[in-house]
């Protein structure tokens, strides 16, 4: 488990070389958010019968079909959100 410390990041987080069911963590780390964006997009379109808009801070190759990507490296205000997509 992760415990906040003053140690370097690579000693306080899961190793990127960790093997998972899908493969090496470095290659599959963002797949959870990718599949979550697909399901969210489909659910919104089924509920509203309209084109959906999903915004995510995580992305994976092909995510652009289902979600928009927000870098999140700014403050969380409506103006900053507007500036990042306008």
PDB file of N, CA and C in Angstrom:
ATOM      1  N   UNK A   1       0.820  -1.200   0.000  1.00  0.00           N
ATOM      2  CA  UNK A   1       0.000   0.000   0.000  1.00  0.00           C
ATOM      3  C   UNK A   1       0.859   1.257   0.000  1.00  0.00           C
ATOM      4  N   UNK A   2       0.294   2.346  -0.457  1.00  0.00           N
ATOM      5  CA  UNK A   2       1.010   3.618  -0.509  1.00  0.00           C
ATOM      6  C   UNK A   2       0.879   4.355   0.814  1.00  0.00           C
ATOM      7  N   UNK A   3       2.010   4.757   1.364  1.00  0.00           N
ATOM      8  CA  UNK A   3       2.051   5.579   2.566  1.00  0.00           C
ATOM      9  C   UNK A   3       2.874   6.815   2.240  1.00  0.00           C
ATOM     10  N   UNK A   4       2.283   8.018   2.336  1.00  0.00           N
ATOM     11  CA  UNK A   4       3.036   9.238   2.020  1.00  0.00           C
ATOM     12  C   UNK A   4       4.304   9.353   2.864  1.00  0.00           C
ATOM     13  N   UNK A   5       5.421   9.580   2.205  1.00  0.00           N
ATOM     14  CA  UNK A   5       6.709   9.727   2.893  1.00  0.00           C
ATOM     15  C   UNK A   5       7.518  10.800   2.191  1.00  0.00           C
ATOM     16  N   UNK A   6       8.704  11.036   2.698  1.00  0.00           N
ATOM     17  CA  UNK A   6       9.623  11.965   2.035  1.00  0.00           C
ATOM     18  C   UNK A   6      10.603  11.209   1.148  1.00  0.00           C
ATOM     19  N   UNK A   7      10.418   9.899   1.025  1.00  0.00           N
ATOM     20  CA  UNK A   7      11.275   9.086   0.161  1.00  0.00           C
ATOM     21  C   UNK A   7      10.976   9.371  -1.306  1.00  0.00           C
ATOM     22  N   UNK A   8      11.887   8.999  -2.186  1.00  0.00           N
ATOM     23  CA  UNK A   8      11.625   9.177  -3.621  1.00  0.00           C
ATOM     24  C   UNK A   8      10.350   8.455  -4.041  1.00  0.00           C
ATOM     25  N   UNK A   9       9.684   8.971  -5.077  1.00  0.00           N
ATOM     26  CA  UNK A   9       8.410   8.431  -5.520  1.00  0.00           C
ATOM     27  C   UNK A   9       8.489   6.939  -5.854  1.00  0.00           C
ATOM     28  N   UNK A  10       9.610   6.514  -6.462  1.00  0.00           N
ATOM     29  CA  UNK A  10       9.694   5.114  -6.878  1.00  0.00           C
ATOM     30  C   UNK A  10       9.770   4.141  -5.701  1.00  0.00           C
ATOM     31  N   UNK A  11       9.896   4.648  -4.475  1.00  0.00           N
ATOM     32  CA  UNK A  11       9.879   3.765  -3.311  1.00  0.00           C
ATOM     33  C   UNK A  11       8.517   3.768  -2.633  1.00  0.00           C
ATOM     34  N   UNK A  12       7.588   4.597  -3.096  1.00  0.00           N
ATOM     35  CA  UNK A  12       6.294   4.741  -2.435  1.00  0.00           C
ATOM     36  C   UNK A  12       5.105   4.433  -3.344  1.00  0.00           C
ATOM     37  N   UNK A  13       5.356   3.847  -4.482  1.00  0.00           N
ATOM     38  CA  UNK A  13       4.273   3.547  -5.409  1.00  0.00           C
ATOM     39  C   UNK A  13       4.530   2.196  -6.063  1.00  0.00           C
ATOM     40  N   UNK A  14       3.548   1.691  -6.769  1.00  0.00           N
ATOM     41  CA  UNK A  14       3.712   0.404  -7.432  1.00  0.00           C
ATOM     42  C   UNK A  14       4.753   0.527  -8.544  1.00  0.00           C
ATOM     43  N   UNK A  15       5.569  -0.471  -8.671  1.00  0.00           N
ATOM     44  CA  UNK A  15       6.614  -0.472  -9.691  1.00  0.00           C
ATOM     45  C   UNK A  15       5.993  -0.548 -11.072  1.00  0.00           C
ATOM     46  N   UNK A  16       6.544   0.200 -12.000  1.00  0.00           N
ATOM     47  CA  UNK A  16       6.062   0.156 -13.372  1.00  0.00           C
ATOM     48  C   UNK A  16       6.397  -1.180 -14.037  1.00  0.00           C
ATOM     49  N   UNK A  17       7.274  -1.978 -13.411  1.00  0.00           N
ATOM     50  CA  UNK A  17       7.625  -3.294 -13.950  1.00  0.00           C
ATOM     51  C   UNK A  17       6.720  -4.403 -13.418  1.00  0.00           C
ATOM     52  N   UNK A  18       5.772  -4.064 -12.573  1.00  0.00           N
ATOM     53  CA  UNK A  18       4.880  -5.050 -11.992  1.00  0.00           C
ATOM     54  C   UNK A  18       4.082  -5.754 -13.079  1.00  0.00           C
ATOM     55  N   UNK A  19       3.980  -7.079 -12.961  1.00  0.00           N
ATOM     56  CA  UNK A  19       3.179  -7.869 -13.898  1.00  0.00           C
ATOM     57  C   UNK A  19       1.730  -7.892 -13.428  1.00  0.00           C
ATOM     58  N   UNK A  20       0.814  -7.613 -14.323  1.00  0.00           N
ATOM     59  CA  UNK A  20      -0.606  -7.730 -14.043  1.00  0.00           C
ATOM     60  C   UNK A  20      -1.185  -8.776 -14.980  1.00  0.00           C
ATOM     61  N   UNK A  21      -2.450  -9.059 -14.827  1.00  0.00           N
ATOM     62  CA  UNK A  21      -3.111 -10.018 -15.701  1.00  0.00           C
ATOM     63  C   UNK A  21      -3.014  -9.597 -17.161  1.00  0.00           C
ATOM     64  N   UNK A  22      -3.044  -8.285 -17.412  1.00  0.00           N
ATOM     65  CA  UNK A  22      -3.006  -7.767 -18.782  1.00  0.00           C
ATOM     66  C   UNK A  22      -1.594  -7.573 -19.321  1.00  0.00           C
ATOM     67  N   UNK A  23      -0.589  -7.617 -18.439  1.00  0.00           N
ATOM     68  CA  UNK A  23       0.789  -7.412 -18.879  1.00  0.00           C
ATOM     69  C   UNK A  23       1.546  -6.540 -17.898  1.00  0.00           C
ATOM     70  N   UNK A  24       2.601  -5.918 -18.374  1.00  0.00           N
ATOM     71  CA  UNK A  24       3.431  -5.054 -17.536  1.00  0.00           C
ATOM     72  C   UNK A  24       2.665  -3.779 -17.199  1.00  0.00           C
ATOM     73  N   UNK A  25       2.692  -3.366 -15.937  1.00  0.00           N
ATOM     74  CA  UNK A  25       1.948  -2.201 -15.465  1.00  0.00           C
ATOM     75  C   UNK A  25       2.269  -0.943 -16.268  1.00  0.00           C
ATOM     76  N   UNK A  26       3.513  -0.771 -16.695  1.00  0.00           N
ATOM     77  CA  UNK A  26       3.895   0.415 -17.465  1.00  0.00           C
ATOM     78  C   UNK A  26       3.048   0.542 -18.734  1.00  0.00           C
ATOM     79  N   UNK A  27       2.725  -0.590 -19.354  1.00  0.00           N
ATOM     80  CA  UNK A  27       1.973  -0.585 -20.607  1.00  0.00           C
ATOM     81  C   UNK A  27       0.465  -0.564 -20.405  1.00  0.00           C
ATOM     82  N   UNK A  28      -0.015  -0.944 -19.232  1.00  0.00           N
ATOM     83  CA  UNK A  28      -1.459  -1.105 -19.031  1.00  0.00           C
ATOM     84  C   UNK A  28      -2.023  -0.193 -17.940  1.00  0.00           C
ATOM     85  N   UNK A  29      -1.227   0.697 -17.396  1.00  0.00           N
ATOM     86  CA  UNK A  29      -1.615   1.520 -16.248  1.00  0.00           C
ATOM     87  C   UNK A  29      -2.906   2.308 -16.478  1.00  0.00           C
ATOM     88  N   UNK A  30      -3.084   2.873 -17.661  1.00  0.00           N
ATOM     89  CA  UNK A  30      -4.247   3.727 -17.933  1.00  0.00           C
ATOM     90  C   UNK A  30      -5.411   2.994 -18.588  1.00  0.00           C
ATOM     91  N   UNK A  31      -5.342   1.679 -18.685  1.00  0.00           N
ATOM     92  CA  UNK A  31      -6.435   0.938 -19.314  1.00  0.00           C
ATOM     93  C   UNK A  31      -7.731   1.012 -18.514  1.00  0.00           C
ATOM     94  N   UNK A  32      -7.643   1.048 -17.193  1.00  0.00           N
ATOM     95  CA  UNK A  32      -8.855   1.127 -16.375  1.00  0.00           C
ATOM     96  C   UNK A  32      -9.652   2.378 -16.741  1.00  0.00           C
ATOM     97  N   UNK A  33      -8.989   3.520 -16.780  1.00  0.00           N
ATOM     98  CA  UNK A  33      -9.664   4.774 -17.127  1.00  0.00           C
ATOM     99  C   UNK A  33     -10.161   4.739 -18.566  1.00  0.00           C
ATOM    100  N   UNK A  34      -9.430   4.079 -19.454  1.00  0.00           N
ATOM    101  CA  UNK A  34      -9.851   3.962 -20.849  1.00  0.00           C
ATOM    102  C   UNK A  34     -11.176   3.214 -20.948  1.00  0.00           C
ATOM    103  N   UNK A  35     -11.255   2.060 -20.316  1.00  0.00           N
ATOM    104  CA  UNK A  35     -12.493   1.284 -20.367  1.00  0.00           C
ATOM    105  C   UNK A  35     -13.623   1.974 -19.604  1.00  0.00           C
ATOM    106  N   UNK A  36     -13.284   2.679 -18.547  1.00  0.00           N
ATOM    107  CA  UNK A  36     -14.297   3.444 -17.819  1.00  0.00           C
ATOM    108  C   UNK A  36     -14.875   4.544 -18.703  1.00  0.00           C
ATOM    109  N   UNK A  37     -14.041   5.186 -19.507  1.00  0.00           N
ATOM    110  CA  UNK A  37     -14.532   6.236 -20.398  1.00  0.00           C
ATOM    111  C   UNK A  37     -15.434   5.661 -21.492  1.00  0.00           C
ATOM    112  N   UNK A  38     -15.137   4.467 -21.975  1.00  0.00           N
ATOM    113  CA  UNK A  38     -15.987   3.825 -22.985  1.00  0.00           C
ATOM    114  C   UNK A  38     -17.376   3.556 -22.416  1.00  0.00           C
ATOM    115  N   UNK A  39     -17.411   2.953 -21.223  1.00  0.00           N
ATOM    116  CA  UNK A  39     -18.693   2.614 -20.602  1.00  0.00           C
ATOM    117  C   UNK A  39     -19.484   3.868 -20.253  1.00  0.00           C
ATOM    118  N   UNK A  40     -18.819   4.888 -19.736  1.00  0.00           N
ATOM    119  CA  UNK A  40     -19.499   6.134 -19.388  1.00  0.00           C
ATOM    120  C   UNK A  40     -20.084   6.791 -20.635  1.00  0.00           C
ATOM    121  N   UNK A  41     -19.304   6.821 -21.698  1.00  0.00           N
ATOM    122  CA  UNK A  41     -19.774   7.390 -22.956  1.00  0.00           C
ATOM    123  C   UNK A  41     -21.003   6.643 -23.464  1.00  0.00           C
ATOM    124  N   UNK A  42     -20.944   5.335 -23.481  1.00  0.00           N
ATOM    125  CA  UNK A  42     -22.068   4.538 -23.964  1.00  0.00           C
ATOM    126  C   UNK A  42     -23.304   4.712 -23.094  1.00  0.00           C
ATOM    127  N   UNK A  43     -23.111   4.745 -21.782  1.00  0.00           N
ATOM    128  CA  UNK A  43     -24.248   4.908 -20.868  1.00  0.00           C
ATOM    129  C   UNK A  43     -24.930   6.255 -21.083  1.00  0.00           C
ATOM    130  N   UNK A  44     -24.140   7.321 -21.195  1.00  0.00           N
ATOM    131  CA  UNK A  44     -24.725   8.648 -21.402  1.00  0.00           C
ATOM    132  C   UNK A  44     -25.486   8.729 -22.722  1.00  0.00           C
ATOM    133  N   UNK A  45     -24.937   8.129 -23.770  1.00  0.00           N
ATOM    134  CA  UNK A  45     -25.621   8.165 -25.065  1.00  0.00           C
ATOM    135  C   UNK A  45     -26.900   7.335 -25.038  1.00  0.00           C
ATOM    136  N   UNK A  46     -26.891   6.226 -24.315  1.00  0.00           N
ATOM    137  CA  UNK A  46     -28.100   5.401 -24.202  1.00  0.00           C
ATOM    138  C   UNK A  46     -29.185   6.095 -23.381  1.00  0.00           C
ATOM    139  N   UNK A  47     -28.780   6.803 -22.335  1.00  0.00           N
ATOM    140  CA  UNK A  47     -29.743   7.471 -21.456  1.00  0.00           C
ATOM    141  C   UNK A  47     -30.359   8.694 -22.132  1.00  0.00           C
ATOM    142  N   UNK A  48     -29.506   9.497 -22.778  1.00  0.00           N
ATOM    143  CA  UNK A  48     -29.974  10.773 -23.326  1.00  0.00           C
ATOM    144  C   UNK A  48     -30.371  10.701 -24.801  1.00  0.00           C
ATOM    145  N   UNK A  49     -29.961   9.639 -25.488  1.00  0.00           N
ATOM    146  CA  UNK A  49     -30.158   9.522 -26.938  1.00  0.00           C
ATOM    147  C   UNK A  49     -29.538  10.693 -27.682  1.00  0.00           C
ATOM    148  N   UNK A  50     -28.472  11.238 -27.124  1.00  0.00           N
ATOM    149  CA  UNK A  50     -27.731  12.333 -27.741  1.00  0.00           C
ATOM    150  C   UNK A  50     -26.242  12.036 -27.649  1.00  0.00           C
ATOM    151  N   UNK A  51     -25.468  12.804 -28.368  1.00  0.00           N
ATOM    152  CA  UNK A  51     -24.023  12.684 -28.300  1.00  0.00           C
ATOM    153  C   UNK A  51     -23.561  13.106 -26.913  1.00  0.00           C
ATOM    154  N   UNK A  52     -22.669  12.334 -26.319  1.00  0.00           N
ATOM    155  CA  UNK A  52     -22.235  12.635 -24.946  1.00  0.00           C
ATOM    156  C   UNK A  52     -20.944  13.450 -24.930  1.00  0.00           C
ATOM    157  N   UNK A  53     -20.657  14.012 -23.778  1.00  0.00           N
ATOM    158  CA  UNK A  53     -19.389  14.715 -23.545  1.00  0.00           C
ATOM    159  C   UNK A  53     -18.817  14.197 -22.245  1.00  0.00           C
ATOM    160  N   UNK A  54     -17.687  13.497 -22.334  1.00  0.00           N
ATOM    161  CA  UNK A  54     -17.012  12.949 -21.164  1.00  0.00           C
ATOM    162  C   UNK A  54     -15.638  13.600 -21.091  1.00  0.00           C
ATOM    163  N   UNK A  55     -15.266  14.071 -19.925  1.00  0.00           N
ATOM    164  CA  UNK A  55     -13.981  14.740 -19.719  1.00  0.00           C
ATOM    165  C   UNK A  55     -13.172  13.954 -18.710  1.00  0.00           C
ATOM    166  N   UNK A  56     -11.926  13.615 -19.046  1.00  0.00           N
ATOM    167  CA  UNK A  56     -11.103  12.780 -18.180  1.00  0.00           C
ATOM    168  C   UNK A  56      -9.696  13.349 -18.053  1.00  0.00           C
ATOM    169  N   UNK A  57      -9.051  13.066 -16.936  1.00  0.00           N
ATOM    170  CA  UNK A  57      -7.657  13.445 -16.766  1.00  0.00           C
ATOM    171  C   UNK A  57      -6.720  12.316 -17.151  1.00  0.00           C
ATOM    172  N   UNK A  58      -7.261  11.161 -17.413  1.00  0.00           N
ATOM    173  CA  UNK A  58      -6.454  10.004 -17.794  1.00  0.00           C
ATOM    174  C   UNK A  58      -6.738   9.656 -19.244  1.00  0.00           C
ATOM    175  N   UNK A  59      -5.725   9.190 -19.954  1.00  0.00           N
ATOM    176  CA  UNK A  59      -5.971   8.823 -21.347  1.00  0.00           C
ATOM    177  C   UNK A  59      -5.114   7.631 -21.740  1.00  0.00           C
ATOM    178  N   UNK A  60      -5.501   7.018 -22.832  1.00  0.00           N
ATOM    179  CA  UNK A  60      -4.800   5.882 -23.399  1.00  0.00           C
ATOM    180  C   UNK A  60      -4.988   6.000 -24.910  1.00  0.00           C
ATOM    181  N   UNK A  61      -4.185   5.323 -25.665  1.00  0.00           N
ATOM    182  CA  UNK A  61      -4.312   5.396 -27.122  1.00  0.00           C
ATOM    183  C   UNK A  61      -5.734   5.056 -27.548  1.00  0.00           C
ATOM    184  N   UNK A  62      -6.378   5.936 -28.299  1.00  0.00           N
ATOM    185  CA  UNK A  62      -7.739   5.722 -28.749  1.00  0.00           C
ATOM    186  C   UNK A  62      -8.802   6.345 -27.862  1.00  0.00           C
ATOM    187  N   UNK A  63      -8.400   6.952 -26.743  1.00  0.00           N
ATOM    188  CA  UNK A  63      -9.362   7.546 -25.813  1.00  0.00           C
ATOM    189  C   UNK A  63     -10.164   8.680 -26.434  1.00  0.00           C
ATOM    190  N   UNK A  64      -9.595   9.351 -27.404  1.00  0.00           N
ATOM    191  CA  UNK A  64     -10.257  10.505 -28.009  1.00  0.00           C
ATOM    192  C   UNK A  64     -11.601  10.188 -28.643  1.00  0.00           C
ATOM    193  N   UNK A  65     -11.843   8.936 -28.964  1.00  0.00           N
ATOM    194  CA  UNK A  65     -13.133   8.549 -29.527  1.00  0.00           C
ATOM    195  C   UNK A  65     -14.237   8.609 -28.480  1.00  0.00           C
ATOM    196  N   UNK A  66     -13.877   8.443 -27.211  1.00  0.00           N
ATOM    197  CA  UNK A  66     -14.859   8.332 -26.134  1.00  0.00           C
ATOM    198  C   UNK A  66     -14.822   9.466 -25.118  1.00  0.00           C
ATOM    199  N   UNK A  67     -13.698  10.137 -24.986  1.00  0.00           N
ATOM    200  CA  UNK A  67     -13.554  11.154 -23.947  1.00  0.00           C
ATOM    201  C   UNK A  67     -12.632  12.279 -24.399  1.00  0.00           C
ATOM    202  N   UNK A  68     -12.840  13.445 -23.824  1.00  0.00           N
ATOM    203  CA  UNK A  68     -11.919  14.561 -24.021  1.00  0.00           C
ATOM    204  C   UNK A  68     -10.873  14.491 -22.923  1.00  0.00           C
ATOM    205  N   UNK A  69      -9.697  15.011 -23.198  1.00  0.00           N
ATOM    206  CA  UNK A  69      -8.616  14.933 -22.211  1.00  0.00           C
ATOM    207  C   UNK A  69      -8.334  16.310 -21.634  1.00  0.00           C
ATOM    208  N   UNK A  70      -8.383  16.384 -20.311  1.00  0.00           N
ATOM    209  CA  UNK A  70      -8.042  17.614 -19.608  1.00  0.00           C
ATOM    210  C   UNK A  70      -6.742  17.375 -18.871  1.00  0.00           C
ATOM    211  N   UNK A  71      -5.764  18.220 -19.091  1.00  0.00           N
ATOM    212  CA  UNK A  71      -4.459  18.028 -18.465  1.00  0.00           C
ATOM    213  C   UNK A  71      -4.518  18.153 -16.953  1.00  0.00           C
ATOM    214  N   UNK A  72      -5.392  18.992 -16.440  1.00  0.00           N
ATOM    215  CA  UNK A  72      -5.533  19.117 -14.998  1.00  0.00           C
ATOM    216  C   UNK A  72      -4.352  19.786 -14.325  1.00  0.00           C
ATOM    217  N   UNK A  73      -3.477  20.386 -15.113  1.00  0.00           N
ATOM    218  CA  UNK A  73      -2.301  21.017 -14.522  1.00  0.00           C
ATOM    219  C   UNK A  73      -2.537  22.497 -14.207  1.00  0.00           C
ATOM    220  N   UNK A  74      -3.782  22.881 -14.104  1.00  0.00           N
ATOM    221  CA  UNK A  74      -4.130  24.242 -13.735  1.00  0.00           C
ATOM    222  C   UNK A  74      -5.080  24.185 -12.537  1.00  0.00           C
ATOM    223  N   UNK A  75      -5.516  25.314 -12.069  1.00  0.00           N
ATOM    224  CA  UNK A  75      -6.431  25.302 -10.934  1.00  0.00           C
ATOM    225  C   UNK A  75      -7.808  24.859 -11.387  1.00  0.00           C
ATOM    226  N   UNK A  76      -8.609  24.389 -10.488  1.00  0.00           N
ATOM    227  CA  UNK A  76      -9.920  23.836 -10.840  1.00  0.00           C
ATOM    228  C   UNK A  76     -11.004  24.897 -10.755  1.00  0.00           C
ATOM    229  N   UNK A  77     -10.967  25.829 -11.681  1.00  0.00           N
ATOM    230  CA  UNK A  77     -12.014  26.841 -11.766  1.00  0.00           C
ATOM    231  C   UNK A  77     -12.687  26.709 -13.123  1.00  0.00           C
ATOM    232  N   UNK A  78     -13.903  27.231 -13.243  1.00  0.00           N
ATOM    233  CA  UNK A  78     -14.614  27.169 -14.512  1.00  0.00           C
ATOM    234  C   UNK A  78     -13.861  27.919 -15.598  1.00  0.00           C
ATOM    235  N   UNK A  79     -13.211  29.028 -15.227  1.00  0.00           N
ATOM    236  CA  UNK A  79     -12.458  29.800 -16.212  1.00  0.00           C
ATOM    237  C   UNK A  79     -11.277  28.987 -16.749  1.00  0.00           C
ATOM    238  N   UNK A  80     -10.574  28.278 -15.865  1.00  0.00           N
ATOM    239  CA  UNK A  80      -9.454  27.454 -16.316  1.00  0.00           C
ATOM    240  C   UNK A  80      -9.930  26.311 -17.208  1.00  0.00           C
ATOM    241  N   UNK A  81     -11.052  25.707 -16.866  1.00  0.00           N
ATOM    242  CA  UNK A  81     -11.623  24.661 -17.715  1.00  0.00           C
ATOM    243  C   UNK A  81     -11.965  25.228 -19.083  1.00  0.00           C
ATOM    244  N   UNK A  82     -12.602  26.384 -19.107  1.00  0.00           N
ATOM    245  CA  UNK A  82     -12.957  27.034 -20.358  1.00  0.00           C
ATOM    246  C   UNK A  82     -11.717  27.318 -21.202  1.00  0.00           C
ATOM    247  N   UNK A  83     -10.675  27.860 -20.574  1.00  0.00           N
ATOM    248  CA  UNK A  83      -9.455  28.202 -21.307  1.00  0.00           C
ATOM    249  C   UNK A  83      -8.745  26.978 -21.856  1.00  0.00           C
ATOM    250  N   UNK A  84      -8.866  25.835 -21.170  1.00  0.00           N
ATOM    251  CA  UNK A  84      -8.155  24.645 -21.616  1.00  0.00           C
ATOM    252  C   UNK A  84      -8.832  23.948 -22.793  1.00  0.00           C
ATOM    253  N   UNK A  85     -10.123  24.238 -23.030  1.00  0.00           N
ATOM    254  CA  UNK A  85     -10.812  23.603 -24.164  1.00  0.00           C
ATOM    255  C   UNK A  85     -11.246  24.596 -25.228  1.00  0.00           C
ATOM    256  N   UNK A  86     -11.158  25.887 -24.939  1.00  0.00           N
ATOM    257  CA  UNK A  86     -11.610  26.897 -25.901  1.00  0.00           C
ATOM    258  C   UNK A  86     -10.517  27.245 -26.890  1.00  0.00           C
TER     259      UNK A  86
END
